[in-house]
Every structure is written in C-alpha cells, then in structure tokens.
Amino acid sequence: MAQKILQANFKSTMSRSECEEAWLPEAPQLAGFPGLRWKVWIFNEAESEAGGIYLFADDASMRSFIGVLTTMLEAPEFSEISIKTFDILEPLTLITRGPIQETVRTDIE
C-alpha cells in the first residue's frame, strides 16, 4: 500500500491564537486517527488561511479521514475550502529527507 498526502486549505474568520486554542483539545484525538502518520498544522495570518498537510498510511485511511474533515469544515468560520490528495514520489522524497518512513510513536496515549 502506498502512503498518501492530503493537503487541506481554507479561509478562517478566526485569528491564529483563536484557532490554536480551539484546536488544541482536538489534536490528541486527531493523532489517533487510524492510518494518520502525521499532520503539519499551517496558518497564514496575512491571508486568514489555515489548513494542514497530512501523511496517511494508505488511500483507504485517507479517504475515511476526508469524510471527517469535510464535516468539520462545514462550520461557518471556514470558507474557500480546498482538499487535494497526492501520491508520493518516494525515491525523490527520501533523497531530500522527507519524513515518510514509518515511525512508531510511543508518547501518544
């Protein structure tokens, strides 16, 4: 099974600090989503844009998560939603030290 990248971007009416405060309790549950290897949270204050870059173990887990994400982004604070999926060019990514090798996390409860 090939790993998959998910890129989600959206406009937010919340500030960076409001987003961090609102999403902090959600991060541990998100970390436990089946098949999610990691997420990088992103925010561009100048453009009022937020989102994330996700690495999934396989297409099935990524597709399952898209359903959850779509529901989460139905809130009125979010608009101009873009969700894109990508295959990984693994040989090139490994050369440039992309974090795609499987790791085992022992610090997640």
Protein backbone atom coordinates (compact mmCIF):
# COMPACT_ATOMS: atom_id res chain seq x y z
CA MET A 1 0.00 0.00 0.00
CA ALA A 2 1.34 3.40 -0.96
CA GLN A 3 1.32 6.27 1.50
CA LYS A 4 -0.75 9.32 0.57
CA ILE A 5 -0.52 13.05 1.19
CA LEU A 6 -3.60 15.16 1.89
CA GLN A 7 -3.43 18.94 1.65
CA ALA A 8 -6.30 20.97 3.10
CA ASN A 9 -6.53 24.76 2.97
CA PHE A 10 -9.35 27.09 3.93
CA LYS A 11 -10.10 30.67 4.89
CA SER A 12 -10.89 31.22 8.56
CA THR A 13 -12.58 34.10 10.35
CA MET A 14 -10.67 33.13 13.50
CA SER A 15 -7.24 34.52 14.41
CA ARG A 16 -4.21 32.28 14.77
CA SER A 17 -4.48 32.32 18.58
CA GLU A 18 -8.21 31.54 18.43
CA CYS A 19 -7.50 28.59 16.10
CA GLU A 20 -4.72 27.26 18.30
CA GLU A 21 -6.93 27.50 21.38
CA ALA A 22 -9.91 25.89 19.66
CA TRP A 23 -7.93 23.08 18.03
CA LEU A 24 -5.58 22.19 20.89
CA PRO A 25 -8.11 19.81 22.54
CA GLU A 26 -8.74 18.17 19.14
CA ALA A 27 -5.09 17.46 18.32
CA PRO A 28 -4.69 14.33 20.53
CA GLN A 29 -7.85 12.74 19.07
CA LEU A 30 -6.68 13.57 15.58
CA ALA A 31 -3.30 11.98 16.31
CA GLY A 32 -5.11 8.73 17.00
CA PHE A 33 -6.99 8.63 13.69
CA PRO A 34 -6.39 5.23 12.06
CA GLY A 35 -3.78 5.45 9.33
CA LEU A 36 -2.69 9.03 10.05
CA ARG A 37 1.10 9.09 10.33
CA TRP A 38 1.46 12.83 10.94
CA LYS A 39 -0.05 16.25 10.35
CA VAL A 40 1.64 19.63 9.97
CA TRP A 41 -0.71 22.43 11.02
CA ILE A 42 -0.38 25.56 8.88
CA PHE A 43 -1.63 29.14 9.24
CA ASN A 44 -1.12 32.30 7.18
CA GLU A 45 -2.34 35.28 9.21
CA ALA A 46 -1.90 37.78 6.38
CA GLU A 47 -4.30 35.77 4.19
CA SER A 48 -6.56 34.46 7.01
CA GLU A 49 -5.84 30.98 5.67
CA ALA A 50 -5.28 27.79 7.63
CA GLY A 51 -5.00 24.12 6.91
CA GLY A 52 -2.79 21.11 7.15
CA ILE A 53 -0.53 18.70 5.36
CA TYR A 54 -1.20 15.08 6.34
CA LEU A 55 0.60 11.80 5.70
CA PHE A 56 -1.59 8.70 5.62
CA ALA A 57 -0.51 5.06 5.57
CA ASP A 58 -2.79 4.29 2.63
CA ASP A 59 -5.56 5.54 0.39
CA ALA A 60 -8.37 3.93 2.41
CA SER A 61 -7.44 5.70 5.66
CA MET A 62 -7.03 9.00 3.81
CA ARG A 63 -10.45 8.65 2.16
CA SER A 64 -12.02 7.84 5.51
CA PHE A 65 -10.48 10.96 7.02
CA ILE A 66 -11.70 13.19 4.17
CA GLY A 67 -15.27 12.44 5.27
CA VAL A 68 -14.48 13.53 8.82
CA LEU A 69 -12.59 16.61 7.65
CA THR A 70 -15.38 17.69 5.31
CA THR A 71 -17.86 17.58 8.20
CA MET A 72 -15.51 19.56 10.46
CA LEU A 73 -15.09 22.28 7.84
CA GLU A 74 -18.85 22.84 7.48
CA ALA A 75 -18.61 25.36 10.38
CA PRO A 76 -19.44 28.95 9.40
CA GLU A 77 -15.91 30.11 10.38
CA PHE A 78 -14.48 28.34 7.33
CA SER A 79 -14.80 29.12 3.62
CA GLU A 80 -12.95 28.63 0.32
CA ILE A 81 -12.13 25.04 1.28
CA SER A 82 -9.63 23.12 -0.84
CA ILE A 83 -8.87 19.45 -0.23
CA LYS A 84 -6.30 17.80 -2.50
CA THR A 85 -4.76 14.35 -2.46
CA PHE A 86 -1.35 13.33 -3.74
CA ASP A 87 0.77 10.28 -4.36
CA ILE A 88 4.31 10.49 -3.01
CA LEU A 89 7.37 10.28 -5.23
CA GLU A 90 9.13 8.14 -2.65
CA PRO A 91 12.66 7.80 -4.10
CA LEU A 92 12.98 11.56 -4.54
CA THR A 93 11.37 12.34 -1.18
CA LEU A 94 13.76 10.02 0.64
CA ILE A 95 16.75 11.72 -1.00
CA THR A 96 15.54 15.11 0.22
CA ARG A 97 14.81 13.74 3.73
CA GLY A 98 11.01 13.93 3.53
CA PRO A 99 9.54 12.36 6.69
CA ILE A 100 7.77 9.46 5.02
CA GLN A 101 9.47 6.49 6.63
CA GLU A 102 7.25 4.70 9.11
CA THR A 103 7.98 5.55 12.72
CA VAL A 104 6.49 4.18 15.89
CA ARG A 105 5.22 6.77 18.38
CA THR A 106 5.25 5.72 22.00
CA ASP A 107 4.26 9.06 23.53
CA ILE A 108 0.63 9.13 22.28
CA GLU A 109 -1.99 7.99 24.73
